[in-house]
Amino acid sequence: MNWKLGFILAAALLCGGISSKAEEDRDVIQGTWILDSSERDGVVTNADKSKARDVRLIFEADQIMAKMGDKSVSLGSFSLDPSKDPKIYDRTYPDGSKRLGLYKLEGKTLTICVADLKKERPKEFVTRKGDGMTLVIYRRE
């Protein structure tokens, strides 16, 4: 086997590995997640206040919906890239606007940190005063 063929095969295997990781995380994230805590621009929302609002995030295929009590709204579609560190989460709203973010799945906990519209992707799972970042932690329903 020549080196070009070996390189092509290695690249194909690597790409297949990334794709299967994305599909695996996409499968794990499916379903309903209940908001446990949130933080925006360095300000933590009181945990009891978050729970009283009964906020849920629902993932179905590549679509995402938010539900608060009996009201629900489409948040558009999402994509995951687990090959990056930290893992990448992107949301595209129905109007085409995008929010760039990060995610991590740990057992029954989903943590998402997203930037405001037109802001750069966060680099870590923290928010600071005036940075336009939102950090949310959900638990599996």
N, C-alpha and C. Protein backbone atom coordinates (compact mmCIF):
# COMPACT_ATOMS: atom_id res chain seq x y z
N MET A 1 0.86 -1.17 0.00
CA MET A 1 0.00 0.00 0.00
C MET A 1 0.91 1.24 0.00
N ASN A 2 0.60 2.15 -0.88
CA ASN A 2 1.41 3.37 -0.90
C ASN A 2 0.94 4.34 0.19
N TRP A 3 1.76 5.35 0.47
CA TRP A 3 1.46 6.26 1.57
C TRP A 3 0.21 7.09 1.32
N LYS A 4 -0.12 7.40 0.05
CA LYS A 4 -1.31 8.21 -0.24
C LYS A 4 -2.57 7.43 0.12
N LEU A 5 -2.59 6.16 -0.26
CA LEU A 5 -3.76 5.33 0.04
C LEU A 5 -3.90 5.17 1.55
N GLY A 6 -2.77 4.96 2.23
CA GLY A 6 -2.80 4.85 3.69
C GLY A 6 -3.33 6.11 4.35
N PHE A 7 -2.90 7.25 3.85
CA PHE A 7 -3.37 8.53 4.39
C PHE A 7 -4.87 8.69 4.18
N ILE A 8 -5.36 8.35 3.00
CA ILE A 8 -6.79 8.47 2.69
C ILE A 8 -7.60 7.55 3.59
N LEU A 9 -7.12 6.31 3.79
CA LEU A 9 -7.83 5.37 4.66
C LEU A 9 -7.85 5.87 6.10
N ALA A 10 -6.72 6.38 6.57
CA ALA A 10 -6.66 6.90 7.94
C ALA A 10 -7.61 8.08 8.12
N ALA A 11 -7.64 8.97 7.14
CA ALA A 11 -8.55 10.12 7.20
C ALA A 11 -10.01 9.67 7.20
N ALA A 12 -10.31 8.69 6.40
CA ALA A 12 -11.69 8.18 6.34
C ALA A 12 -12.09 7.56 7.67
N LEU A 13 -11.19 6.81 8.28
CA LEU A 13 -11.48 6.22 9.59
C LEU A 13 -11.66 7.29 10.65
N LEU A 14 -10.80 8.29 10.62
CA LEU A 14 -10.91 9.38 11.58
C LEU A 14 -12.23 10.11 11.43
N CYS A 15 -12.60 10.42 10.21
CA CYS A 15 -13.88 11.12 9.97
C CYS A 15 -15.05 10.26 10.40
N GLY A 16 -14.97 8.98 10.16
CA GLY A 16 -16.03 8.07 10.60
C GLY A 16 -16.13 8.06 12.11
N GLY A 17 -14.99 8.13 12.79
CA GLY A 17 -14.98 8.15 14.25
C GLY A 17 -15.62 9.41 14.79
N ILE A 18 -15.34 10.53 14.19
CA ILE A 18 -15.93 11.80 14.62
C ILE A 18 -17.43 11.76 14.40
N SER A 19 -17.84 11.28 13.25
CA SER A 19 -19.26 11.22 12.94
C SER A 19 -19.99 10.32 13.93
N SER A 20 -19.41 9.16 14.26
CA SER A 20 -20.09 8.26 15.19
C SER A 20 -20.16 8.86 16.59
N LYS A 21 -19.15 9.63 17.02
CA LYS A 21 -19.20 10.30 18.32
C LYS A 21 -20.32 11.33 18.33
N ALA A 22 -20.44 12.09 17.24
CA ALA A 22 -21.51 13.09 17.16
C ALA A 22 -22.87 12.41 17.20
N GLU A 23 -23.00 11.30 16.48
CA GLU A 23 -24.27 10.58 16.49
C GLU A 23 -24.56 10.01 17.87
N GLU A 24 -23.52 9.52 18.55
CA GLU A 24 -23.70 8.97 19.90
C GLU A 24 -24.17 10.05 20.86
N ASP A 25 -23.51 11.21 20.87
CA ASP A 25 -23.95 12.30 21.74
C ASP A 25 -25.34 12.79 21.34
N ARG A 26 -25.60 12.82 20.04
CA ARG A 26 -26.93 13.26 19.59
C ARG A 26 -28.00 12.30 20.09
N ASP A 27 -27.69 11.01 20.12
CA ASP A 27 -28.64 10.03 20.66
C ASP A 27 -28.83 10.22 22.16
N VAL A 28 -27.76 10.45 22.88
CA VAL A 28 -27.82 10.60 24.34
C VAL A 28 -28.60 11.86 24.73
N ILE A 29 -28.45 12.92 23.96
CA ILE A 29 -29.07 14.21 24.31
C ILE A 29 -30.59 14.22 24.04
N GLN A 30 -31.08 13.27 23.27
CA GLN A 30 -32.50 13.23 22.91
C GLN A 30 -33.38 13.13 24.16
N GLY A 31 -34.54 13.77 24.09
CA GLY A 31 -35.50 13.70 25.18
C GLY A 31 -35.62 15.02 25.92
N THR A 32 -36.14 14.92 27.14
CA THR A 32 -36.47 16.11 27.92
C THR A 32 -35.48 16.32 29.06
N TRP A 33 -35.06 17.57 29.21
CA TRP A 33 -34.12 17.98 30.25
C TRP A 33 -34.77 19.10 31.05
N ILE A 34 -34.64 19.03 32.38
CA ILE A 34 -35.25 20.01 33.29
C ILE A 34 -34.16 20.97 33.78
N LEU A 35 -34.45 22.27 33.70
CA LEU A 35 -33.50 23.30 34.12
C LEU A 35 -33.27 23.21 35.63
N ASP A 36 -31.99 23.08 36.02
CA ASP A 36 -31.61 23.09 37.43
C ASP A 36 -31.04 24.43 37.85
N SER A 37 -30.21 25.03 36.98
CA SER A 37 -29.63 26.32 37.34
C SER A 37 -29.24 27.08 36.08
N SER A 38 -29.13 28.39 36.24
CA SER A 38 -28.72 29.22 35.12
C SER A 38 -27.92 30.41 35.63
N GLU A 39 -27.09 30.91 34.73
CA GLU A 39 -26.22 32.04 35.04
C GLU A 39 -26.06 32.84 33.76
N ARG A 40 -26.12 34.16 33.89
CA ARG A 40 -25.95 35.02 32.71
C ARG A 40 -25.11 36.22 33.10
N ASP A 41 -24.10 36.50 32.29
CA ASP A 41 -23.22 37.65 32.54
C ASP A 41 -22.69 37.67 33.98
N GLY A 42 -22.39 36.50 34.51
CA GLY A 42 -21.82 36.41 35.85
C GLY A 42 -22.82 36.44 36.99
N VAL A 43 -24.11 36.52 36.68
CA VAL A 43 -25.14 36.58 37.70
C VAL A 43 -25.89 35.24 37.73
N VAL A 44 -25.84 34.58 38.88
CA VAL A 44 -26.50 33.28 39.05
C VAL A 44 -27.96 33.51 39.40
N THR A 45 -28.85 32.78 38.71
CA THR A 45 -30.27 32.83 39.03
C THR A 45 -30.52 31.91 40.21
N ASN A 46 -31.29 32.36 41.15
CA ASN A 46 -31.63 31.57 42.33
C ASN A 46 -32.19 30.22 41.89
N ALA A 47 -31.69 29.13 42.47
CA ALA A 47 -32.10 27.77 42.08
C ALA A 47 -33.60 27.56 42.27
N ASP A 48 -34.16 28.05 43.38
CA ASP A 48 -35.60 27.88 43.61
C ASP A 48 -36.41 28.62 42.55
N LYS A 49 -35.94 29.78 42.14
CA LYS A 49 -36.62 30.56 41.10
C LYS A 49 -36.58 29.81 39.77
N SER A 50 -35.43 29.21 39.44
CA SER A 50 -35.30 28.43 38.20
C SER A 50 -36.26 27.25 38.19
N LYS A 51 -36.32 26.54 39.31
CA LYS A 51 -37.18 25.36 39.39
C LYS A 51 -38.65 25.74 39.37
N ALA A 52 -39.01 26.89 39.97
CA ALA A 52 -40.41 27.34 40.01
C ALA A 52 -40.94 27.63 38.61
N ARG A 53 -40.04 28.03 37.70
CA ARG A 53 -40.48 28.34 36.33
C ARG A 53 -40.75 27.08 35.51
N ASP A 54 -40.32 25.92 35.97
CA ASP A 54 -40.55 24.65 35.29
C ASP A 54 -40.10 24.70 33.82
N VAL A 55 -38.84 25.06 33.60
CA VAL A 55 -38.29 25.17 32.25
C VAL A 55 -37.72 23.82 31.82
N ARG A 56 -38.10 23.42 30.62
CA ARG A 56 -37.61 22.16 30.06
C ARG A 56 -37.08 22.40 28.65
N LEU A 57 -36.05 21.66 28.31
CA LEU A 57 -35.49 21.67 26.97
C LEU A 57 -35.75 20.30 26.39
N ILE A 58 -36.32 20.27 25.18
CA ILE A 58 -36.68 19.00 24.56
C ILE A 58 -35.95 18.86 23.24
N PHE A 59 -35.17 17.80 23.12
CA PHE A 59 -34.42 17.50 21.90
C PHE A 59 -35.12 16.37 21.17
N GLU A 60 -35.47 16.59 19.90
CA GLU A 60 -36.09 15.57 19.06
C GLU A 60 -35.39 15.61 17.71
N ALA A 61 -34.68 14.52 17.38
CA ALA A 61 -33.85 14.47 16.16
C ALA A 61 -32.87 15.63 16.22
N ASP A 62 -32.90 16.54 15.23
CA ASP A 62 -31.98 17.69 15.26
C ASP A 62 -32.71 18.98 15.64
N GLN A 63 -33.90 18.85 16.20
CA GLN A 63 -34.70 20.00 16.60
C GLN A 63 -34.68 20.16 18.12
N ILE A 64 -34.89 21.40 18.55
CA ILE A 64 -34.89 21.69 19.98
C ILE A 64 -36.07 22.61 20.30
N MET A 65 -36.71 22.33 21.43
CA MET A 65 -37.88 23.10 21.83
C MET A 65 -37.72 23.45 23.32
N ALA A 66 -38.17 24.63 23.70
CA ALA A 66 -38.19 25.03 25.10
C ALA A 66 -39.64 24.99 25.57
N LYS A 67 -39.82 24.53 26.79
CA LYS A 67 -41.16 24.46 27.35
C LYS A 67 -41.12 25.03 28.75
N MET A 68 -42.08 25.94 29.05
CA MET A 68 -42.20 26.52 30.37
C MET A 68 -43.66 26.39 30.78
N GLY A 69 -43.91 25.50 31.71
CA GLY A 69 -45.29 25.22 32.06
C GLY A 69 -46.00 24.59 30.88
N ASP A 70 -47.13 25.18 30.46
CA ASP A 70 -47.86 24.63 29.30
C ASP A 70 -47.55 25.37 28.00
N LYS A 71 -46.60 26.30 28.03
CA LYS A 71 -46.20 27.03 26.83
C LYS A 71 -44.93 26.42 26.25
N SER A 72 -44.86 26.34 24.93
CA SER A 72 -43.65 25.83 24.30
C SER A 72 -43.32 26.65 23.05
N VAL A 73 -42.02 26.68 22.71
CA VAL A 73 -41.56 27.43 21.56
C VAL A 73 -40.41 26.67 20.91
N SER A 74 -40.40 26.68 19.58
CA SER A 74 -39.31 26.05 18.86
C SER A 74 -38.07 26.93 18.95
N LEU A 75 -36.94 26.31 19.28
CA LEU A 75 -35.67 27.03 19.28
C LEU A 75 -34.88 26.72 18.02
N GLY A 76 -35.50 25.99 17.09
CA GLY A 76 -34.84 25.68 15.83
C GLY A 76 -34.11 24.35 15.88
N SER A 77 -32.93 24.34 15.28
CA SER A 77 -32.14 23.10 15.21
C SER A 77 -30.84 23.26 15.98
N PHE A 78 -30.19 22.14 16.23
CA PHE A 78 -28.92 22.17 16.93
C PHE A 78 -27.95 21.21 16.27
N SER A 79 -26.68 21.45 16.49
CA SER A 79 -25.65 20.52 16.03
C SER A 79 -24.59 20.39 17.11
N LEU A 80 -23.95 19.23 17.13
CA LEU A 80 -22.93 18.92 18.12
C LEU A 80 -21.64 18.53 17.42
N ASP A 81 -20.53 18.91 18.00
CA ASP A 81 -19.22 18.45 17.53
C ASP A 81 -18.40 18.02 18.73
N PRO A 82 -18.47 16.71 19.06
CA PRO A 82 -17.75 16.21 20.22
C PRO A 82 -16.26 16.00 19.97
N SER A 83 -15.79 16.25 18.76
CA SER A 83 -14.36 16.07 18.46
C SER A 83 -13.52 17.22 19.02
N LYS A 84 -14.17 18.31 19.38
CA LYS A 84 -13.47 19.49 19.93
C LYS A 84 -13.41 19.38 21.46
N ASP A 85 -12.49 20.11 22.05
CA ASP A 85 -12.38 20.13 23.49
C ASP A 85 -12.28 21.59 23.94
N PRO A 86 -13.34 22.13 24.57
CA PRO A 86 -14.59 21.47 24.94
C PRO A 86 -15.48 21.23 23.71
N LYS A 87 -16.46 20.35 23.92
CA LYS A 87 -17.37 19.96 22.84
C LYS A 87 -18.22 21.16 22.39
N ILE A 88 -18.52 21.19 21.09
CA ILE A 88 -19.23 22.33 20.49
C ILE A 88 -20.72 22.03 20.33
N TYR A 89 -21.51 23.04 20.72
CA TYR A 89 -22.98 23.02 20.58
C TYR A 89 -23.36 24.29 19.84
N ASP A 90 -24.08 24.13 18.74
CA ASP A 90 -24.57 25.29 18.00
C ASP A 90 -26.07 25.17 17.82
N ARG A 91 -26.74 26.32 17.90
CA ARG A 91 -28.19 26.36 17.72
C ARG A 91 -28.50 27.33 16.59
N THR A 92 -29.37 26.90 15.69
CA THR A 92 -29.84 27.78 14.61
C THR A 92 -31.34 27.98 14.81
N TYR A 93 -31.72 29.23 15.07
CA TYR A 93 -33.12 29.56 15.30
C TYR A 93 -33.91 29.47 13.99
N PRO A 94 -35.24 29.37 14.09
CA PRO A 94 -36.05 29.30 12.88
C PRO A 94 -35.83 30.45 11.90
N ASP A 95 -35.40 31.64 12.40
CA ASP A 95 -35.15 32.77 11.49
C ASP A 95 -33.76 32.72 10.86
N GLY A 96 -32.96 31.68 11.19
CA GLY A 96 -31.63 31.53 10.61
C GLY A 96 -30.50 32.09 11.46
N SER A 97 -30.83 32.83 12.52
CA SER A 97 -29.78 33.35 13.39
C SER A 97 -29.18 32.21 14.21
N LYS A 98 -27.90 32.40 14.61
CA LYS A 98 -27.18 31.32 15.29
C LYS A 98 -26.66 31.76 16.64
N ARG A 99 -26.60 30.79 17.55
CA ARG A 99 -25.92 30.97 18.84
C ARG A 99 -24.86 29.90 18.92
N LEU A 100 -23.66 30.30 19.23
CA LEU A 100 -22.52 29.40 19.32
C LEU A 100 -22.26 29.04 20.77
N GLY A 101 -21.96 27.78 21.01
CA GLY A 101 -21.77 27.39 22.40
C GLY A 101 -20.93 26.15 22.59
N LEU A 102 -20.96 25.69 23.83
CA LEU A 102 -20.25 24.50 24.28
C LEU A 102 -21.25 23.62 25.01
N TYR A 103 -20.95 22.33 25.09
CA TYR A 103 -21.80 21.44 25.89
C TYR A 103 -20.96 20.35 26.51
N LYS A 104 -21.50 19.78 27.58
CA LYS A 104 -20.93 18.56 28.13
C LYS A 104 -22.06 17.72 28.71
N LEU A 105 -21.95 16.44 28.48
CA LEU A 105 -22.89 15.46 28.99
C LEU A 105 -22.17 14.63 30.04
N GLU A 106 -22.69 14.65 31.25
CA GLU A 106 -22.10 13.88 32.34
C GLU A 106 -23.22 13.13 33.06
N GLY A 107 -23.38 11.85 32.70
CA GLY A 107 -24.46 11.07 33.29
C GLY A 107 -25.80 11.67 32.94
N LYS A 108 -26.54 12.07 33.97
CA LYS A 108 -27.88 12.65 33.76
C LYS A 108 -27.85 14.17 33.80
N THR A 109 -26.68 14.75 33.57
CA THR A 109 -26.53 16.21 33.60
C THR A 109 -26.06 16.72 32.24
N LEU A 110 -26.72 17.75 31.74
CA LEU A 110 -26.36 18.43 30.50
C LEU A 110 -26.03 19.87 30.85
N THR A 111 -24.82 20.29 30.50
CA THR A 111 -24.38 21.66 30.74
C THR A 111 -24.15 22.32 29.39
N ILE A 112 -24.75 23.49 29.19
CA ILE A 112 -24.60 24.25 27.94
C ILE A 112 -24.19 25.67 28.29
N CYS A 113 -23.19 26.17 27.59
CA CYS A 113 -22.79 27.57 27.71
C CYS A 113 -22.88 28.16 26.31
N VAL A 114 -23.71 29.19 26.13
CA VAL A 114 -23.90 29.79 24.81
C VAL A 114 -23.65 31.29 24.85
N ALA A 115 -23.20 31.79 23.71
CA ALA A 115 -22.98 33.22 23.54
C ALA A 115 -24.24 33.87 23.00
N ASP A 116 -24.41 35.14 23.30
CA ASP A 116 -25.50 35.90 22.68
C ASP A 116 -25.32 35.89 21.16
N LEU A 117 -26.39 36.24 20.46
CA LEU A 117 -26.33 36.32 19.00
C LEU A 117 -25.18 37.24 18.58
N LYS A 118 -24.48 36.86 17.55
CA LYS A 118 -23.38 37.62 16.95
C LYS A 118 -22.15 37.74 17.87
N LYS A 119 -22.09 36.95 18.92
CA LYS A 119 -20.91 36.94 19.79
C LYS A 119 -20.09 35.70 19.48
N GLU A 120 -18.81 35.75 19.83
CA GLU A 120 -17.93 34.60 19.63
C GLU A 120 -18.29 33.48 20.59
N ARG A 121 -17.95 32.27 20.19
CA ARG A 121 -18.19 31.09 21.00
C ARG A 121 -17.45 31.21 22.35
N PRO A 122 -18.10 30.79 23.45
CA PRO A 122 -17.38 30.79 24.72
C PRO A 122 -16.21 29.80 24.66
N LYS A 123 -15.22 30.02 25.49
CA LYS A 123 -14.06 29.14 25.52
C LYS A 123 -14.09 28.20 26.72
N GLU A 124 -14.96 28.52 27.68
CA GLU A 124 -15.07 27.72 28.89
C GLU A 124 -16.49 27.83 29.45
N PHE A 125 -16.78 27.03 30.45
CA PHE A 125 -18.12 26.98 31.04
C PHE A 125 -18.24 27.95 32.21
N VAL A 126 -18.07 29.24 31.91
CA VAL A 126 -18.21 30.30 32.91
C VAL A 126 -18.83 31.52 32.25
N THR A 127 -19.41 32.39 33.07
CA THR A 127 -19.88 33.69 32.58
C THR A 127 -19.27 34.77 33.45
N ARG A 128 -19.12 35.93 32.86
CA ARG A 128 -18.58 37.09 33.58
C ARG A 128 -19.45 38.31 33.27
N LYS A 129 -19.40 39.27 34.14
CA LYS A 129 -20.20 40.48 33.97
C LYS A 129 -19.98 41.08 32.58
N GLY A 130 -21.10 41.26 31.85
CA GLY A 130 -21.07 41.91 30.55
C GLY A 130 -20.53 41.08 29.39
N ASP A 131 -20.27 39.77 29.59
CA ASP A 131 -19.67 38.98 28.51
C ASP A 131 -20.68 38.42 27.50
N GLY A 132 -21.98 38.52 27.79
CA GLY A 132 -22.98 38.02 26.85
C GLY A 132 -23.08 36.50 26.80
N MET A 133 -22.63 35.84 27.85
CA MET A 133 -22.67 34.38 27.90
C MET A 133 -23.77 33.92 28.86
N THR A 134 -24.37 32.78 28.54
CA THR A 134 -25.36 32.16 29.39
C THR A 134 -24.94 30.72 29.66
N LEU A 135 -24.95 30.32 30.92
CA LEU A 135 -24.59 28.97 31.32
C LEU A 135 -25.83 28.35 31.95
N VAL A 136 -26.25 27.20 31.43
CA VAL A 136 -27.42 26.51 31.96
C VAL A 136 -27.06 25.06 32.25
N ILE A 137 -27.63 24.56 33.34
CA ILE A 137 -27.42 23.16 33.72
C ILE A 137 -28.78 22.49 33.84
N TYR A 138 -28.93 21.40 33.09
CA TYR A 138 -30.17 20.65 33.06
C TYR A 138 -29.92 19.25 33.61
N ARG A 139 -31.00 18.63 34.10
CA ARG A 139 -30.93 17.23 34.49
C ARG A 139 -31.97 16.46 33.68
N ARG A 140 -31.66 15.21 33.41
CA ARG A 140 -32.54 14.35 32.62
C ARG A 140 -33.87 14.19 33.34
N GLU A 141 -34.97 14.31 32.60
CA GLU A 141 -36.30 14.11 33.18
C GLU A 141 -36.47 12.66 33.56
